[in-house]
Amino acid sequence: MVDKNIKFLVVDDFSTMRRIVRNLLKELGFTNIDEAEDGQVALHKLKNQSFDFIVSDWNMPN
């Protein structure tokens, strides 16, 4: 059984892609999802919070 309280960080510079990934995760039953619009914001969040799983774009600014 998968823990549905896993904390996700979705990192992508396109808001549409972040929304798509968030919606897919919600369809799978996950609700603890945070977002970052670039690598710099993601790094700041990673320094201040803990995440269990990161979904990230490979090619984006910062």
Protein backbone atom coordinates (compact mmCIF):
# COMPACT_ATOMS: atom_id res chain seq x y z
CA MET A 1 0.00 0.00 0.00
CA VAL A 2 1.32 3.44 -0.94
CA ASP A 3 1.33 6.23 1.63
CA LYS A 4 -0.96 8.92 0.19
CA ASN A 5 0.61 11.54 2.51
CA ILE A 6 3.89 11.56 0.57
CA LYS A 7 5.03 15.16 0.16
CA PHE A 8 5.75 16.09 -3.47
CA LEU A 9 7.59 19.06 -4.96
CA VAL A 10 6.74 19.75 -8.61
CA VAL A 11 9.32 21.98 -10.33
CA ASP A 12 8.73 23.38 -13.82
CA ASP A 13 8.95 26.81 -15.41
CA PHE A 14 5.63 26.29 -17.26
CA SER A 15 2.61 26.69 -15.01
CA THR A 16 0.55 24.50 -17.36
CA MET A 17 2.93 21.58 -16.87
CA ARG A 18 2.92 22.05 -13.09
CA ARG A 19 -0.88 22.00 -13.17
CA ILE A 20 -0.92 18.82 -15.31
CA VAL A 21 1.46 17.00 -12.93
CA ARG A 22 -0.47 18.24 -9.88
CA ASN A 23 -3.77 17.04 -11.36
CA LEU A 24 -2.31 13.63 -12.23
CA LEU A 25 -0.99 13.24 -8.69
CA LYS A 26 -4.39 14.23 -7.29
CA GLU A 27 -6.09 11.65 -9.52
CA LEU A 28 -3.77 9.06 -7.97
CA GLY A 29 -4.91 10.18 -4.50
CA PHE A 30 -1.97 12.36 -3.46
CA THR A 31 -2.82 15.74 -1.92
CA ASN A 32 0.39 16.96 -0.27
CA ILE A 33 1.84 18.76 -3.31
CA ASP A 34 3.92 21.94 -3.47
CA GLU A 35 5.23 23.74 -6.56
CA ALA A 36 8.24 25.79 -7.64
CA GLU A 37 8.58 27.77 -10.88
CA ASP A 38 12.34 27.42 -11.23
CA GLY A 39 15.41 25.82 -9.70
CA GLN A 40 16.18 28.74 -7.42
CA VAL A 41 12.71 28.67 -5.82
CA ALA A 42 12.93 24.87 -5.57
CA LEU A 43 16.30 25.06 -3.81
CA HIS A 44 14.92 27.59 -1.32
CA LYS A 45 11.96 25.30 -0.57
CA LEU A 46 14.26 22.29 -0.22
CA LYS A 47 16.40 24.17 2.33
CA ASN A 48 13.34 25.06 4.43
CA GLN A 49 11.12 21.99 4.07
CA SER A 50 11.46 18.28 3.54
CA PHE A 51 9.98 16.45 0.56
CA ASP A 52 9.62 12.76 -0.12
CA PHE A 53 9.52 12.98 -3.91
CA ILE A 54 10.53 15.61 -6.48
CA VAL A 55 9.19 15.83 -10.03
CA SER A 56 11.36 18.28 -11.95
CA ASP A 57 11.87 19.66 -15.41
CA TRP A 58 15.47 19.19 -16.52
CA ASN A 59 15.88 22.32 -18.64
CA MET A 60 14.68 25.58 -17.08
CA PRO A 61 16.03 28.92 -15.86
CA ASN A 62 17.78 29.45 -12.52
